[in-house]
C-alpha atoms as a PDB file:
ATOM      1  CA  MET A   1       2.702  31.635  29.618  1.00  0.00           C
ATOM      2  CA  GLN A   2       1.851  29.412  26.638  1.00  0.00           C
ATOM      3  CA  HIS A   3       4.868  28.539  24.530  1.00  0.00           C
ATOM      4  CA  SER A   4       5.201  30.090  21.088  1.00  0.00           C
ATOM      5  CA  TYR A   5       5.555  28.085  17.916  1.00  0.00           C
ATOM      6  CA  PHE A   6       7.886  30.764  16.597  1.00  0.00           C
ATOM      7  CA  LYS A   7      11.171  32.392  17.590  1.00  0.00           C
ATOM      8  CA  ILE A   8      10.363  35.803  19.045  1.00  0.00           C
ATOM      9  CA  ARG A   9      12.911  38.606  19.094  1.00  0.00           C
ATOM     10  CA  ASP A  10      14.120  39.624  22.556  1.00  0.00           C
ATOM     11  CA  PRO A  11      12.842  42.906  24.070  1.00  0.00           C
ATOM     12  CA  TRP A  12      14.878  45.954  23.073  1.00  0.00           C
ATOM     13  CA  ASN A  13      16.838  43.893  20.584  1.00  0.00           C
ATOM     14  CA  PHE A  14      17.202  46.129  17.559  1.00  0.00           C
ATOM     15  CA  LYS A  15      19.450  43.714  15.631  1.00  0.00           C
ATOM     16  CA  PRO A  16      17.472  40.444  15.663  1.00  0.00           C
ATOM     17  CA  HIS A  17      17.983  37.510  13.329  1.00  0.00           C
ATOM     18  CA  ARG A  18      16.265  38.322  10.076  1.00  0.00           C
ATOM     19  CA  PHE A  19      13.780  35.477  10.570  1.00  0.00           C
ATOM     20  CA  GLU A  20      12.819  36.351  14.140  1.00  0.00           C
ATOM     21  CA  ILE A  21       9.373  37.865  14.500  1.00  0.00           C
ATOM     22  CA  GLY A  22       7.690  40.334  16.837  1.00  0.00           C
ATOM     23  CA  THR A  23       8.453  43.874  18.000  1.00  0.00           C
ATOM     24  CA  PRO A  24      11.219  45.126  20.323  1.00  0.00           C
ATOM     25  CA  PHE A  25       8.705  46.495  22.829  1.00  0.00           C
ATOM     26  CA  ILE A  26       5.886  43.982  23.342  1.00  0.00           C
ATOM     27  CA  ARG A  27       6.134  40.314  24.358  1.00  0.00           C
ATOM     28  CA  SER A  28       3.170  38.015  23.787  1.00  0.00           C
ATOM     29  CA  SER A  29       2.477  34.281  23.576  1.00  0.00           C
ATOM     30  CA  PHE A  30       0.402  34.800  20.436  1.00  0.00           C
ATOM     31  CA  HIS A  31       2.443  35.811  17.421  1.00  0.00           C
ATOM     32  CA  ASP A  32       0.611  34.464  14.397  1.00  0.00           C
ATOM     33  CA  ASN A  33       0.081  37.972  13.043  1.00  0.00           C
ATOM     34  CA  HIS A  34       3.803  38.743  13.397  1.00  0.00           C
ATOM     35  CA  PHE A  35       4.583  35.486  11.604  1.00  0.00           C
ATOM     36  CA  PHE A  36       2.469  36.596   8.634  1.00  0.00           C
ATOM     37  CA  LEU A  37       3.925  40.110   8.622  1.00  0.00           C
ATOM     38  CA  LYS A  38       7.419  38.620   8.363  1.00  0.00           C
ATOM     39  CA  LEU A  39       6.273  36.149   5.704  1.00  0.00           C
ATOM     40  CA  TYR A  40       4.899  38.950   3.508  1.00  0.00           C
ATOM     41  CA  GLU A  41       8.362  40.552   3.473  1.00  0.00           C
ATOM     42  CA  LEU A  42      10.250  37.437   2.365  1.00  0.00           C
ATOM     43  CA  ARG A  43      11.124  36.212  -1.077  1.00  0.00           C
ATOM     44  CA  LYS A  44       9.929  32.801  -2.204  1.00  0.00           C
ATOM     45  CA  ASP A  45      13.504  31.522  -2.025  1.00  0.00           C
ATOM     46  CA  ASP A  46      13.558  32.325   1.705  1.00  0.00           C
ATOM     47  CA  PHE A  47      10.540  30.196   2.610  1.00  0.00           C
ATOM     48  CA  SER A  48      12.470  27.016   3.307  1.00  0.00           C
ATOM     49  CA  ASP A  49      15.057  28.707   5.547  1.00  0.00           C
ATOM     50  CA  PHE A  50      12.351  30.717   7.294  1.00  0.00           C
ATOM     51  CA  TYR A  51      10.329  27.572   8.012  1.00  0.00           C
ATOM     52  CA  ASP A  52      13.381  25.603   9.202  1.00  0.00           C
ATOM     53  CA  PHE A  53      14.495  28.452  11.470  1.00  0.00           C
ATOM     54  CA  HIS A  54      11.243  28.429  13.424  1.00  0.00           C
ATOM     55  CA  LEU A  55      10.946  24.627  13.290  1.00  0.00           C
ATOM     56  CA  ARG A  56      14.315  24.275  15.033  1.00  0.00           C
ATOM     57  CA  HIS A  57      13.218  26.729  17.726  1.00  0.00           C
ATOM     58  CA  TYR A  58       9.998  24.792  18.235  1.00  0.00           C
ATOM     59  CA  LEU A  59      11.700  21.376  18.503  1.00  0.00           C
ATOM     60  CA  GLN A  60      14.372  22.684  20.885  1.00  0.00           C
ATOM     61  CA  ASN A  61      11.941  24.390  23.259  1.00  0.00           C
ATOM     62  CA  THR A  62       8.887  22.121  23.287  1.00  0.00           C
ATOM     63  CA  SER A  63       8.029  18.441  23.417  1.00  0.00           C
ATOM     64  CA  GLY A  64       6.206  18.708  20.090  1.00  0.00           C
ATOM     65  CA  THR A  65       7.140  17.019  16.828  1.00  0.00           C
ATOM     66  CA  GLU A  66       7.781  18.285  13.322  1.00  0.00           C
ATOM     67  CA  ASN A  67       4.337  16.984  12.413  1.00  0.00           C
ATOM     68  CA  ASP A  68       2.791  19.165  15.135  1.00  0.00           C
ATOM     69  CA  PHE A  69       4.615  22.246  13.898  1.00  0.00           C
ATOM     70  CA  HIS A  70       3.782  21.631  10.249  1.00  0.00           C
ATOM     71  CA  SER A  71       0.154  21.006  11.093  1.00  0.00           C
ATOM     72  CA  TYR A  72      -0.087  24.235  13.098  1.00  0.00           C
ATOM     73  CA  VAL A  73       1.518  26.378  10.410  1.00  0.00           C
ATOM     74  CA  SER A  74      -0.615  24.788   7.697  1.00  0.00           C
ATOM     75  CA  ASP A  75      -3.752  25.426   9.715  1.00  0.00           C
ATOM     76  CA  ILE A  76      -3.093  29.115  10.413  1.00  0.00           C
ATOM     77  CA  VAL A  77      -2.137  29.727   6.778  1.00  0.00           C
ATOM     78  CA  SER A  78      -5.355  28.100   5.524  1.00  0.00           C
ATOM     79  CA  THR A  79      -7.382  30.049   8.080  1.00  0.00           C
ATOM     80  CA  ARG A  80      -5.775  33.366   7.133  1.00  0.00           C
ATOM     81  CA  ILE A  81      -6.413  32.743   3.422  1.00  0.00           C
ATOM     82  CA  SER A  82     -10.070  32.076   4.208  1.00  0.00           C
ATOM     83  CA  GLN A  83     -10.265  35.299   6.215  1.00  0.00           C
ATOM     84  CA  LEU A  84      -8.694  37.359   3.435  1.00  0.00           C
ATOM     85  CA  ASN A  85     -11.129  35.908   0.906  1.00  0.00           C
ATOM     86  CA  LEU A  86     -13.998  37.406   2.915  1.00  0.00           C
ATOM     87  CA  ILE A  87     -12.766  40.971   2.454  1.00  0.00           C
ATOM     88  CA  ASP A  88     -15.029  43.098   0.264  1.00  0.00           C
ATOM     89  CA  PRO A  89     -13.365  43.246  -3.181  1.00  0.00           C
ATOM     90  CA  PHE A  90     -14.439  46.919  -3.459  1.00  0.00           C
ATOM     91  CA  SER A  91     -12.942  47.991  -0.151  1.00  0.00           C
ATOM     92  CA  ARG A  92      -9.661  49.840   0.289  1.00  0.00           C
ATOM     93  CA  LYS A  93      -8.175  46.681   1.799  1.00  0.00           C
ATOM     94  CA  ALA A  94      -8.929  44.529  -1.255  1.00  0.00           C
ATOM     95  CA  LEU A  95      -5.659  45.116  -3.130  1.00  0.00           C
ATOM     96  CA  ARG A  96      -3.479  44.420  -0.108  1.00  0.00           C
ATOM     97  CA  ALA A  97      -5.608  41.357   0.755  1.00  0.00           C
ATOM     98  CA  LYS A  98      -5.092  40.034  -2.769  1.00  0.00           C
ATOM     99  CA  GLN A  99      -1.323  40.477  -2.536  1.00  0.00           C
ATOM    100  CA  GLN A 100      -1.206  38.811   0.861  1.00  0.00           C
ATOM    101  CA  THR A 101      -3.372  35.937  -0.358  1.00  0.00           C
ATOM    102  CA  GLU A 102      -1.044  35.319  -3.302  1.00  0.00           C
ATOM    103  CA  ARG A 103       1.965  35.269  -0.981  1.00  0.00           C
ATOM    104  CA  LEU A 104       0.196  32.886   1.432  1.00  0.00           C
ATOM    105  CA  ARG A 105      -0.818  30.550  -1.389  1.00  0.00           C
ATOM    106  CA  THR A 106       2.795  30.450  -2.564  1.00  0.00           C
ATOM    107  CA  PHE A 107       3.887  29.577   0.956  1.00  0.00           C
ATOM    108  CA  GLN A 108       1.086  27.016   1.157  1.00  0.00           C
ATOM    109  CA  THR A 109       2.476  25.352  -1.980  1.00  0.00           C
ATOM    110  CA  PHE A 110       5.820  25.106  -0.204  1.00  0.00           C
ATOM    111  CA  LEU A 111       4.110  23.499   2.809  1.00  0.00           C
ATOM    112  CA  HIS A 112       2.489  20.952   0.504  1.00  0.00           C
ATOM    113  CA  SER A 113       5.884  20.102  -0.978  1.00  0.00           C
ATOM    114  CA  ILE A 114       7.332  19.084   2.416  1.00  0.00           C
ATOM    115  CA  ASP A 115       4.154  17.550   3.798  1.00  0.00           C
ATOM    116  CA  LYS A 116       4.825  13.954   4.924  1.00  0.00           C
ATOM    117  CA  TRP A 117       1.687  13.709   7.059  1.00  0.00           C
ATOM    118  CA  SER A 118      -1.060  15.256   4.876  1.00  0.00           C
ATOM    119  CA  SER A 119      -1.412  17.945   7.530  1.00  0.00           C
ATOM    120  CA  SER A 120      -1.470  20.751   4.957  1.00  0.00           C
ATOM    121  CA  GLN A 121      -4.331  19.297   2.963  1.00  0.00           C
ATOM    122  CA  THR A 122      -7.659  20.972   3.321  1.00  0.00           C
ATOM    123  CA  LEU A 123     -10.575  18.936   4.622  1.00  0.00           C
ATOM    124  CA  GLU A 124     -12.102  18.961   1.155  1.00  0.00           C
ATOM    125  CA  ALA A 125      -8.872  17.640  -0.377  1.00  0.00           C
ATOM    126  CA  VAL A 126      -8.651  14.859   2.213  1.00  0.00           C
ATOM    127  CA  ILE A 127     -12.282  13.900   1.599  1.00  0.00           C
ATOM    128  CA  THR A 128     -11.745  13.901  -2.159  1.00  0.00           C
ATOM    129  CA  GLU A 129      -8.647  11.712  -1.823  1.00  0.00           C
ATOM    130  CA  ASN A 130     -10.470   9.319   0.514  1.00  0.00           C
ATOM    131  CA  ASN A 131     -13.425   9.127  -1.864  1.00  0.00           C
ATOM    132  CA  LYS A 132     -11.081   8.214  -4.721  1.00  0.00           C
ATOM    133  CA  GLU A 133      -9.561   5.486  -2.584  1.00  0.00           C
ATOM    134  CA  ILE A 134     -13.016   4.201  -1.625  1.00  0.00           C
ATOM    135  CA  VAL A 135     -14.067   4.046  -5.289  1.00  0.00           C
ATOM    136  CA  GLY A 136     -10.890   2.135  -6.119  1.00  0.00           C
ATOM    137  CA  LEU A 137     -11.435  -0.309  -3.260  1.00  0.00           C
ATOM    138  CA  LYS A 138     -15.060  -0.886  -4.276  1.00  0.00           C
ATOM    139  CA  GLN A 139     -13.933  -1.642  -7.813  1.00  0.00           C
ATOM    140  CA  GLN A 140     -11.304  -4.036  -6.475  1.00  0.00           C
ATOM    141  CA  ILE A 141     -13.913  -5.769  -4.290  1.00  0.00           C
ATOM    142  CA  THR A 142     -16.199  -6.183  -7.318  1.00  0.00           C
ATOM    143  CA  GLU A 143     -13.366  -7.716  -9.346  1.00  0.00           C
ATOM    144  CA  LEU A 144     -12.449 -10.078  -6.496  1.00  0.00           C
ATOM    145  CA  LYS A 145     -16.104 -11.141  -6.144  1.00  0.00           C
ATOM    146  CA  ASP A 146     -16.225 -11.941  -9.867  1.00  0.00           C
ATOM    147  CA  GLN A 147     -13.021 -13.971  -9.569  1.00  0.00           C
ATOM    148  CA  LEU A 148     -14.367 -15.823  -6.540  1.00  0.00           C
ATOM    149  CA  GLU A 149     -17.611 -16.577  -8.328  1.00  0.00           C
ATOM    150  CA  ALA A 150     -15.667 -17.952 -11.300  1.00  0.00           C
ATOM    151  CA  LEU A 151     -13.576 -20.161  -9.014  1.00  0.00           C
ATOM    152  CA  ARG A 152     -16.654 -21.486  -7.214  1.00  0.00           C
ATOM    153  CA  ARG A 153     -17.949 -22.947 -10.474  1.00  0.00           C
ATOM    154  CA  TYR A 154     -15.094 -25.425 -10.297  1.00  0.00           C
ATOM    155  CA  GLU A 155     -15.706 -26.399  -6.689  1.00  0.00           C
ATOM    156  CA  THR A 156     -17.354 -29.734  -5.819  1.00  0.00           C
ATOM    157  CA  LYS A 157     -19.655 -30.496  -2.914  1.00  0.00           C
ATOM    158  CA  THR A 158     -17.934 -33.816  -2.287  1.00  0.00           C
ATOM    159  CA  LYS A 159     -14.470 -35.072  -3.180  1.00  0.00           C
ATOM    160  CA  ILE A 160     -13.503 -38.387  -4.686  1.00  0.00           C
ATOM    161  CA  ASP A 161     -12.371 -40.687  -1.897  1.00  0.00           C
ATOM    162  CA  ILE A 162      -9.429 -43.047  -2.299  1.00  0.00           C
ATOM    163  CA  ARG A 163      -9.856 -46.282  -0.385  1.00  0.00           C
ATOM    164  CA  ASP A 164      -7.877 -46.835   2.785  1.00  0.00           C
ATOM    165  CA  LYS A 165      -4.077 -47.091   2.433  1.00  0.00           C
ATOM    166  CA  HIS A 166      -4.239 -46.825  -1.340  1.00  0.00           C
ATOM    167  CA  LEU A 167      -3.173 -43.253  -1.913  1.00  0.00           C
ATOM    168  CA  PRO A 168       0.183 -44.539  -3.241  1.00  0.00           C
ATOM    169  CA  THR A 169      -1.700 -46.822  -5.660  1.00  0.00           C
ATOM    170  CA  PHE A 170      -3.551 -43.838  -7.082  1.00  0.00           C
ATOM    171  CA  ILE A 171      -0.311 -41.848  -7.264  1.00  0.00           C
ATOM    172  CA  HIS A 172       1.240 -44.689  -9.233  1.00  0.00           C
ATOM    173  CA  LEU A 173      -1.550 -44.387 -11.795  1.00  0.00           C
ATOM    174  CA  ILE A 174      -0.866 -40.662 -12.165  1.00  0.00           C
ATOM    175  CA  HIS A 175       2.833 -41.340 -12.601  1.00  0.00           C
ATOM    176  CA  GLN A 176       1.937 -43.674 -15.448  1.00  0.00           C
ATOM    177  CA  LEU A 177      -0.400 -41.096 -16.986  1.00  0.00           C
ATOM    178  CA  GLN A 178       2.494 -38.688 -17.137  1.00  0.00           C
ATOM    179  CA  GLN A 179       4.463 -41.157 -19.248  1.00  0.00           C
ATOM    180  CA  LEU A 180       1.751 -42.150 -21.711  1.00  0.00           C
ATOM    181  CA  MET A 181       2.711 -41.699 -25.359  1.00  0.00           C
ATOM    182  CA  LEU A 182       0.373 -41.378 -28.315  1.00  0.00           C
ATOM    183  CA  PRO A 183       0.858 -43.536 -31.402  1.00  0.00           C
ATOM    184  CA  ASP A 184       2.535 -40.555 -33.094  1.00  0.00           C
ATOM    185  CA  GLU A 185       5.085 -40.517 -30.256  1.00  0.00           C
ATOM    186  CA  ARG A 186       3.778 -37.359 -28.654  1.00  0.00           C
ATOM    187  CA  ARG A 187       3.124 -37.337 -24.935  1.00  0.00           C
ATOM    188  CA  LEU A 188      -0.584 -37.543 -24.087  1.00  0.00           C
ATOM    189  CA  PHE A 189      -0.339 -34.834 -21.419  1.00  0.00           C
ATOM    190  CA  ASN A 190       1.619 -31.716 -22.131  1.00  0.00           C
ATOM    191  CA  PHE A 191       2.986 -30.213 -18.876  1.00  0.00           C
ATOM    192  CA  GLN A 192       6.114 -28.443 -17.696  1.00  0.00           C
ATOM    193  CA  GLU A 193       6.015 -28.983 -13.926  1.00  0.00           C
ATOM    194  CA  GLN A 194       4.573 -31.239 -11.252  1.00  0.00           C
ATOM    195  CA  SER A 195       2.472 -28.699  -9.333  1.00  0.00           C
ATOM    196  CA  GLY A 196      -0.667 -29.249 -11.412  1.00  0.00           C
ATOM    197  CA  TRP A 197      -0.655 -32.949 -10.539  1.00  0.00           C
ATOM    198  CA  TYR A 198      -0.183 -32.775  -6.790  1.00  0.00           C
ATOM    199  CA  LYS A 199      -2.594 -29.842  -6.480  1.00  0.00           C
ATOM    200  CA  LEU A 200      -5.157 -31.896  -8.377  1.00  0.00           C
ATOM    201  CA  VAL A 201      -4.732 -34.728  -5.860  1.00  0.00           C
ATOM    202  CA  SER A 202      -4.996 -32.468  -2.836  1.00  0.00           C
ATOM    203  CA  LYS A 203      -7.919 -30.385  -4.120  1.00  0.00           C
ATOM    204  CA  TYR A 204     -10.283 -33.003  -5.547  1.00  0.00           C
ATOM    205  CA  PHE A 205      -9.454 -36.208  -3.654  1.00  0.00           C
ATOM    206  CA  THR A 206      -9.555 -37.463  -0.076  1.00  0.00           C
ATOM    207  CA  HIS A 207      -7.800 -40.479   1.387  1.00  0.00           C
ATOM    208  CA  ASP A 208      -9.859 -42.724   3.638  1.00  0.00           C
ATOM    209  CA  ARG A 209     -12.317 -39.783   3.951  1.00  0.00           C
ATOM    210  CA  LYS A 210      -9.566 -37.487   5.200  1.00  0.00           C
ATOM    211  CA  PRO A 211      -8.083 -34.457   3.413  1.00  0.00           C
ATOM    212  CA  ILE A 212      -4.811 -34.930   1.604  1.00  0.00           C
ATOM    213  CA  PRO A 213      -2.426 -32.143   2.686  1.00  0.00           C
ATOM    214  CA  ILE A 214      -0.813 -30.467  -0.280  1.00  0.00           C
ATOM    215  CA  GLU A 215       2.655 -31.102   1.193  1.00  0.00           C
ATOM    216  CA  THR A 216       1.862 -34.817   1.393  1.00  0.00           C
ATOM    217  CA  ALA A 217       0.815 -34.872  -2.254  1.00  0.00           C
ATOM    218  CA  ARG A 218       3.827 -32.780  -3.277  1.00  0.00           C
ATOM    219  CA  ASN A 219       6.244 -35.331  -1.841  1.00  0.00           C
ATOM    220  CA  TYR A 220       5.038 -37.879  -4.408  1.00  0.00           C
ATOM    221  CA  PHE A 221       5.834 -35.478  -7.260  1.00  0.00           C
ATOM    222  CA  PRO A 222       9.400 -34.199  -6.834  1.00  0.00           C
ATOM    223  CA  VAL A 223      10.920 -31.875  -9.369  1.00  0.00           C
ATOM    224  CA  GLN A 224      12.489 -33.930 -12.103  1.00  0.00           C
ATOM    225  CA  LYS A 225      16.157 -34.761 -11.525  1.00  0.00           C
ATOM    226  CA  GLU A 226      15.991 -33.329  -8.041  1.00  0.00           C
ATOM    227  CA  LYS A 227      16.065 -35.732  -5.115  1.00  0.00           C
ATOM    228  CA  THR A 228      15.013 -34.554  -1.664  1.00  0.00           C
ATOM    229  CA  SER A 229      14.807 -36.218   1.745  1.00  0.00           C
ATOM    230  CA  LYS A 230      11.021 -35.773   1.694  1.00  0.00           C
ATOM    231  CA  GLU A 231      10.507 -37.550  -1.618  1.00  0.00           C
ATOM    232  CA  VAL A 232       8.159 -40.535  -1.317  1.00  0.00           C
ATOM    233  CA  GLU A 233       8.217 -43.455  -3.746  1.00  0.00           C
ATOM    234  CA  VAL A 234       5.299 -45.781  -4.341  1.00  0.00           C
ATOM    235  CA  PRO A 235       6.078 -49.212  -2.842  1.00  0.00           C
ATOM    236  CA  GLU A 236       6.177 -52.110  -5.274  1.00  0.00           C
ATOM    237  CA  HIS A 237       3.449 -54.050  -3.440  1.00  0.00           C
ATOM    238  CA  LEU A 238       0.973 -51.154  -3.971  1.00  0.00           C
ATOM    239  CA  ARG A 239       1.542 -50.851  -7.726  1.00  0.00           C
ATOM    240  CA  PHE A 240      -1.523 -52.862  -8.686  1.00  0.00           C
ATOM    241  CA  PHE A 241      -2.288 -51.403 -12.111  1.00  0.00           C
ATOM    242  CA  LYS A 242      -0.429 -50.939 -15.330  1.00  0.00           C
ATOM    243  CA  ILE A 243      -1.662 -48.653 -18.085  1.00  0.00           C
ATOM    244  CA  ILE A 244      -0.837 -49.911 -21.562  1.00  0.00           C
ATOM    245  CA  LEU A 245      -1.414 -48.703 -25.111  1.00  0.00           C
ATOM    246  CA  THR A 246      -4.164 -50.883 -26.632  1.00  0.00           C
ATOM    247  CA  SER A 247      -3.328 -50.113 -30.253  1.00  0.00           C
ATOM    248  CA  SER A 248      -0.322 -48.744 -32.088  1.00  0.00           C
ATOM    249  CA  GLU A 249      -2.330 -47.781 -35.141  1.00  0.00           C
ATOM    250  CA  SER A 250      -2.432 -44.074 -35.897  1.00  0.00           C
ATOM    251  CA  GLY A 251      -5.854 -44.211 -37.532  1.00  0.00           C
ATOM    252  CA  SER A 252      -4.575 -44.134 -41.111  1.00  0.00           C
END
């Protein structure tokens, strides 16, 4: 016999646990209707205990998971609400159907509140949520495309090549540029860190027609006052050029 998702009262047991479902005379593997009959009797404050009572029974007697149980209960509740909505509003069953629907919707709200797997969402709700996510992703893709297009305007087809073995010579020129002072004693280049310089070298220059790894360039530009084992100094015999101030006049 197929296992039940719910704890069924034993035959001829006239003092069952208050959350057990079924009748004392008939045993069946299908007890959804009994589950709803019990649910209609309960107060809202009992929903959590009622749910946990049957969840424990399910986990102890089957190989299923809490997700499986929650999904099953959510599905039968949604189905029953749909069935009740089809009842003729002018029939004798309409008032009772309305009361039952209200109770089921209240229980459905409880199921939503403990739903960690989206199993209690209707198909329409899932589709709506997915559509919102798709719209957001499309907007993000558009923004990223615009950013990429803006970055591409600064890309070059070819890089400036530094002659063989003279990368340190070029680095020495940049080191001098960093120290240049204007006639009014302000530094020509205003910068706070070294990253802009070594990224410039790696991005727009090659050395002997080969890329300059950013780590290689970084080692020529250590953080000020911080010495590391990877720091590389420009040898004296490759310091060919000296940048000097041609005039000390301020233009007055």
